[in-house]
């Protein structure tokens, strides 16, 4: 039971760290691509081969 005194704060800290990283990605607009996927799916150009 004494191990819970260590594991609970560590897990709360790591969860908070993950939540802070998620909010940072939202703030830095890493998920904003409103037109990219819509145009990419309709494009005739394929990305199968690297461009020279």
PDB file of N, CA and C in Angstrom:
ATOM      1  N   UNK A   1       0.808  -1.197   0.000  1.00  0.00           N
ATOM      2  CA  UNK A   1       0.000   0.000   0.000  1.00  0.00           C
ATOM      3  C   UNK A   1       0.851   1.260   0.000  1.00  0.00           C
ATOM      4  N   UNK A   2       2.075   1.177   0.500  1.00  0.00           N
ATOM      5  CA  UNK A   2       2.927   2.358   0.514  1.00  0.00           C
ATOM      6  C   UNK A   2       3.349   2.768  -0.895  1.00  0.00           C
ATOM      7  N   UNK A   3       3.351   1.797  -1.809  1.00  0.00           N
ATOM      8  CA  UNK A   3       3.737   2.100  -3.182  1.00  0.00           C
ATOM      9  C   UNK A   3       2.713   3.013  -3.850  1.00  0.00           C
ATOM     10  N   UNK A   4       1.470   2.975  -3.389  1.00  0.00           N
ATOM     11  CA  UNK A   4       0.440   3.856  -3.943  1.00  0.00           C
ATOM     12  C   UNK A   4       0.743   5.321  -3.657  1.00  0.00           C
ATOM     13  N   UNK A   5       1.432   5.598  -2.574  1.00  0.00           N
ATOM     14  CA  UNK A   5       1.800   6.973  -2.250  1.00  0.00           C
ATOM     15  C   UNK A   5       2.789   7.529  -3.276  1.00  0.00           C
ATOM     16  N   UNK A   6       3.469   6.655  -3.971  1.00  0.00           N
ATOM     17  CA  UNK A   6       4.395   7.085  -5.027  1.00  0.00           C
ATOM     18  C   UNK A   6       3.717   7.022  -6.400  1.00  0.00           C
ATOM     19  N   UNK A   7       2.978   5.962  -6.666  1.00  0.00           N
ATOM     20  CA  UNK A   7       2.403   5.755  -7.991  1.00  0.00           C
ATOM     21  C   UNK A   7       1.302   6.749  -8.334  1.00  0.00           C
ATOM     22  N   UNK A   8       0.479   7.122  -7.371  1.00  0.00           N
ATOM     23  CA  UNK A   8      -0.618   8.054  -7.664  1.00  0.00           C
ATOM     24  C   UNK A   8      -0.092   9.433  -8.063  1.00  0.00           C
ATOM     25  N   UNK A   9       0.820  10.056  -7.315  1.00  0.00           N
ATOM     26  CA  UNK A   9       1.331  11.356  -7.777  1.00  0.00           C
ATOM     27  C   UNK A   9       2.109  11.276  -9.096  1.00  0.00           C
ATOM     28  N   UNK A  10       2.841  10.190  -9.309  1.00  0.00           N
ATOM     29  CA  UNK A  10       3.582  10.036 -10.562  1.00  0.00           C
ATOM     30  C   UNK A  10       2.616   9.923 -11.731  1.00  0.00           C
ATOM     31  N   UNK A  11       1.559   9.140 -11.577  1.00  0.00           N
ATOM     32  CA  UNK A  11       0.595   8.988 -12.662  1.00  0.00           C
ATOM     33  C   UNK A  11      -0.164  10.292 -12.907  1.00  0.00           C
ATOM     34  N   UNK A  12      -0.488  11.036 -11.859  1.00  0.00           N
ATOM     35  CA  UNK A  12      -1.140  12.334 -12.051  1.00  0.00           C
ATOM     36  C   UNK A  12      -0.213  13.321 -12.753  1.00  0.00           C
ATOM     37  N   UNK A  13       1.059  13.301 -12.402  1.00  0.00           N
ATOM     38  CA  UNK A  13       2.024  14.180 -13.055  1.00  0.00           C
ATOM     39  C   UNK A  13       2.161  13.833 -14.536  1.00  0.00           C
ATOM     40  N   UNK A  14       2.294  12.550 -14.861  1.00  0.00           N
ATOM     41  CA  UNK A  14       2.428  12.144 -16.252  1.00  0.00           C
ATOM     42  C   UNK A  14       1.163  12.429 -17.060  1.00  0.00           C
ATOM     43  N   UNK A  15       0.013  12.237 -16.450  1.00  0.00           N
ATOM     44  CA  UNK A  15      -1.242  12.579 -17.117  1.00  0.00           C
ATOM     45  C   UNK A  15      -1.350  14.071 -17.386  1.00  0.00           C
ATOM     46  N   UNK A  16      -0.958  14.877 -16.406  1.00  0.00           N
ATOM     47  CA  UNK A  16      -0.953  16.324 -16.593  1.00  0.00           C
ATOM     48  C   UNK A  16       0.040  16.750 -17.653  1.00  0.00           C
ATOM     49  N   UNK A  17       1.185  16.076 -17.703  1.00  0.00           N
ATOM     50  CA  UNK A  17       2.185  16.377 -18.725  1.00  0.00           C
ATOM     51  C   UNK A  17       1.648  16.061 -20.123  1.00  0.00           C
ATOM     52  N   UNK A  18       0.956  14.950 -20.260  1.00  0.00           N
ATOM     53  CA  UNK A  18       0.347  14.599 -21.540  1.00  0.00           C
ATOM     54  C   UNK A  18      -0.749  15.566 -21.934  1.00  0.00           C
ATOM     55  N   UNK A  19      -1.541  15.994 -20.969  1.00  0.00           N
ATOM     56  CA  UNK A  19      -2.604  16.960 -21.240  1.00  0.00           C
ATOM     57  C   UNK A  19      -2.023  18.312 -21.643  1.00  0.00           C
ATOM     58  N   UNK A  20      -0.955  18.727 -20.983  1.00  0.00           N
ATOM     59  CA  UNK A  20      -0.294  19.984 -21.338  1.00  0.00           C
ATOM     60  C   UNK A  20       0.294  19.907 -22.752  1.00  0.00           C
ATOM     61  N   UNK A  21       0.867  18.766 -23.112  1.00  0.00           N
ATOM     62  CA  UNK A  21       1.405  18.598 -24.464  1.00  0.00           C
ATOM     63  C   UNK A  21       0.288  18.645 -25.498  1.00  0.00           C
ATOM     64  N   UNK A  22      -0.860  18.063 -25.182  1.00  0.00           N
ATOM     65  CA  UNK A  22      -2.000  18.098 -26.104  1.00  0.00           C
ATOM     66  C   UNK A  22      -2.498  19.521 -26.296  1.00  0.00           C
ATOM     67  N   UNK A  23      -2.629  20.275 -25.214  1.00  0.00           N
ATOM     68  CA  UNK A  23      -3.085  21.662 -25.338  1.00  0.00           C
ATOM     69  C   UNK A  23      -2.053  22.514 -26.078  1.00  0.00           C
ATOM     70  N   UNK A  24      -0.766  22.198 -25.935  1.00  0.00           N
ATOM     71  CA  UNK A  24       0.253  22.927 -26.671  1.00  0.00           C
ATOM     72  C   UNK A  24       0.116  22.676 -28.172  1.00  0.00           C
ATOM     73  N   UNK A  25      -0.176  21.426 -28.552  1.00  0.00           N
ATOM     74  CA  UNK A  25      -0.355  21.135 -29.970  1.00  0.00           C
ATOM     75  C   UNK A  25      -1.594  21.829 -30.520  1.00  0.00           C
ATOM     76  N   UNK A  26      -2.639  21.953 -29.713  1.00  0.00           N
ATOM     77  CA  UNK A  26      -3.817  22.691 -30.155  1.00  0.00           C
ATOM     78  C   UNK A  26      -3.497  24.170 -30.342  1.00  0.00           C
ATOM     79  N   UNK A  27      -2.749  24.739 -29.406  1.00  0.00           N
ATOM     80  CA  UNK A  27      -2.417  26.156 -29.455  1.00  0.00           C
ATOM     81  C   UNK A  27      -1.506  26.479 -30.629  1.00  0.00           C
ATOM     82  N   UNK A  28      -0.617  25.572 -30.980  1.00  0.00           N
ATOM     83  CA  UNK A  28       0.301  25.821 -32.087  1.00  0.00           C
ATOM     84  C   UNK A  28      -0.304  25.413 -33.430  1.00  0.00           C
ATOM     85  N   UNK A  29      -1.590  25.091 -33.459  1.00  0.00           N
ATOM     86  CA  UNK A  29      -2.376  24.807 -34.676  1.00  0.00           C
ATOM     87  C   UNK A  29      -1.797  23.659 -35.501  1.00  0.00           C
ATOM     88  N   UNK A  30      -1.395  22.597 -34.846  1.00  0.00           N
ATOM     89  CA  UNK A  30      -0.861  21.453 -35.575  1.00  0.00           C
ATOM     90  C   UNK A  30      -1.958  20.583 -36.176  1.00  0.00           C
ATOM     91  N   UNK A  31      -3.204  20.782 -35.772  1.00  0.00           N
ATOM     92  CA  UNK A  31      -4.305  19.980 -36.290  1.00  0.00           C
ATOM     93  C   UNK A  31      -5.124  20.737 -37.324  1.00  0.00           C
ATOM     94  N   UNK A  32      -4.741  21.968 -37.665  1.00  0.00           N
ATOM     95  CA  UNK A  32      -5.502  22.770 -38.615  1.00  0.00           C
ATOM     96  C   UNK A  32      -5.039  22.494 -40.035  1.00  0.00           C
ATOM     97  N   UNK A  33      -5.873  21.861 -40.802  1.00  0.00           N
ATOM     98  CA  UNK A  33      -5.651  21.632 -42.225  1.00  0.00           C
ATOM     99  C   UNK A  33      -7.022  21.516 -42.876  1.00  0.00           C
ATOM    100  N   UNK A  34      -7.768  22.625 -42.948  1.00  0.00           N
ATOM    101  CA  UNK A  34      -9.154  22.533 -43.387  1.00  0.00           C
ATOM    102  C   UNK A  34      -9.322  22.100 -44.839  1.00  0.00           C
ATOM    103  N   UNK A  35      -8.387  22.452 -45.712  1.00  0.00           N
ATOM    104  CA  UNK A  35      -8.564  22.131 -47.123  1.00  0.00           C
ATOM    105  C   UNK A  35      -7.645  21.020 -47.611  1.00  0.00           C
ATOM    106  N   UNK A  36      -6.635  20.695 -46.836  1.00  0.00           N
ATOM    107  CA  UNK A  36      -5.628  19.743 -47.296  1.00  0.00           C
ATOM    108  C   UNK A  36      -6.173  18.381 -47.645  1.00  0.00           C
ATOM    109  N   UNK A  37      -6.884  17.755 -46.747  1.00  0.00           N
ATOM    110  CA  UNK A  37      -7.401  16.414 -47.013  1.00  0.00           C
ATOM    111  C   UNK A  37      -8.470  16.427 -48.092  1.00  0.00           C
ATOM    112  N   UNK A  38      -9.302  17.462 -48.115  1.00  0.00           N
ATOM    113  CA  UNK A  38     -10.362  17.531 -49.118  1.00  0.00           C
ATOM    114  C   UNK A  38      -9.776  17.642 -50.519  1.00  0.00           C
ATOM    115  N   UNK A  39      -8.711  18.400 -50.684  1.00  0.00           N
ATOM    116  CA  UNK A  39      -8.101  18.538 -51.997  1.00  0.00           C
ATOM    117  C   UNK A  39      -7.227  17.333 -52.332  1.00  0.00           C
ATOM    118  N   UNK A  40      -6.615  16.759 -51.352  1.00  0.00           N
ATOM    119  CA  UNK A  40      -5.711  15.636 -51.580  1.00  0.00           C
ATOM    120  C   UNK A  40      -6.467  14.407 -52.074  1.00  0.00           C
ATOM    121  N   UNK A  41      -7.683  14.187 -51.590  1.00  0.00           N
ATOM    122  CA  UNK A  41      -8.428  12.994 -51.988  1.00  0.00           C
ATOM    123  C   UNK A  41      -8.949  13.101 -53.413  1.00  0.00           C
ATOM    124  N   UNK A  42      -9.133  14.335 -53.909  1.00  0.00           N
ATOM    125  CA  UNK A  42      -9.644  14.533 -55.255  1.00  0.00           C
ATOM    126  C   UNK A  42      -8.542  14.738 -56.289  1.00  0.00           C
ATOM    127  N   UNK A  43      -7.313  14.791 -55.858  1.00  0.00           N
ATOM    128  CA  UNK A  43      -6.197  15.067 -56.752  1.00  0.00           C
ATOM    129  C   UNK A  43      -5.866  13.855 -57.610  1.00  0.00           C
ATOM    130  N   UNK A  44      -5.458  14.132 -58.851  1.00  0.00           N
ATOM    131  CA  UNK A  44      -5.025  13.060 -59.743  1.00  0.00           C
ATOM    132  C   UNK A  44      -3.555  12.733 -59.571  1.00  0.00           C
ATOM    133  N   UNK A  45      -2.825  13.568 -58.885  1.00  0.00           N
ATOM    134  CA  UNK A  45      -1.405  13.328 -58.663  1.00  0.00           C
ATOM    135  C   UNK A  45      -1.225  12.340 -57.513  1.00  0.00           C
ATOM    136  N   UNK A  46      -0.411  11.328 -57.770  1.00  0.00           N
ATOM    137  CA  UNK A  46      -0.164  10.321 -56.740  1.00  0.00           C
ATOM    138  C   UNK A  46       1.209  10.513 -56.156  1.00  0.00           C
ATOM    139  N   UNK A  47       1.360  10.185 -54.910  1.00  0.00           N
ATOM    140  CA  UNK A  47       2.614  10.348 -54.196  1.00  0.00           C
ATOM    141  C   UNK A  47       3.383   9.026 -54.085  1.00  0.00           C
ATOM    142  N   UNK A  48       3.163   8.137 -55.021  1.00  0.00           N
ATOM    143  CA  UNK A  48       3.780   6.814 -54.934  1.00  0.00           C
ATOM    144  C   UNK A  48       5.293   6.871 -55.101  1.00  0.00           C
ATOM    145  N   UNK A  49       5.756   7.763 -55.966  1.00  0.00           N
ATOM    146  CA  UNK A  49       7.178   7.829 -56.270  1.00  0.00           C
ATOM    147  C   UNK A  49       7.715   9.183 -55.842  1.00  0.00           C
ATOM    148  N   UNK A  50       8.958   9.227 -55.384  1.00  0.00           N
ATOM    149  CA  UNK A  50       9.528  10.533 -55.018  1.00  0.00           C
ATOM    150  C   UNK A  50       9.748  11.394 -56.247  1.00  0.00           C
ATOM    151  N   UNK A  51       9.608  12.690 -56.079  1.00  0.00           N
ATOM    152  CA  UNK A  51       9.815  13.614 -57.191  1.00  0.00           C
ATOM    153  C   UNK A  51      11.304  13.782 -57.449  1.00  0.00           C
ATOM    154  N   UNK A  52      11.713  13.865 -58.731  1.00  0.00           N
ATOM    155  CA  UNK A  52      13.147  13.983 -59.049  1.00  0.00           C
ATOM    156  C   UNK A  52      13.726  15.321 -58.652  1.00  0.00           C
TER     157      UNK A  52
END
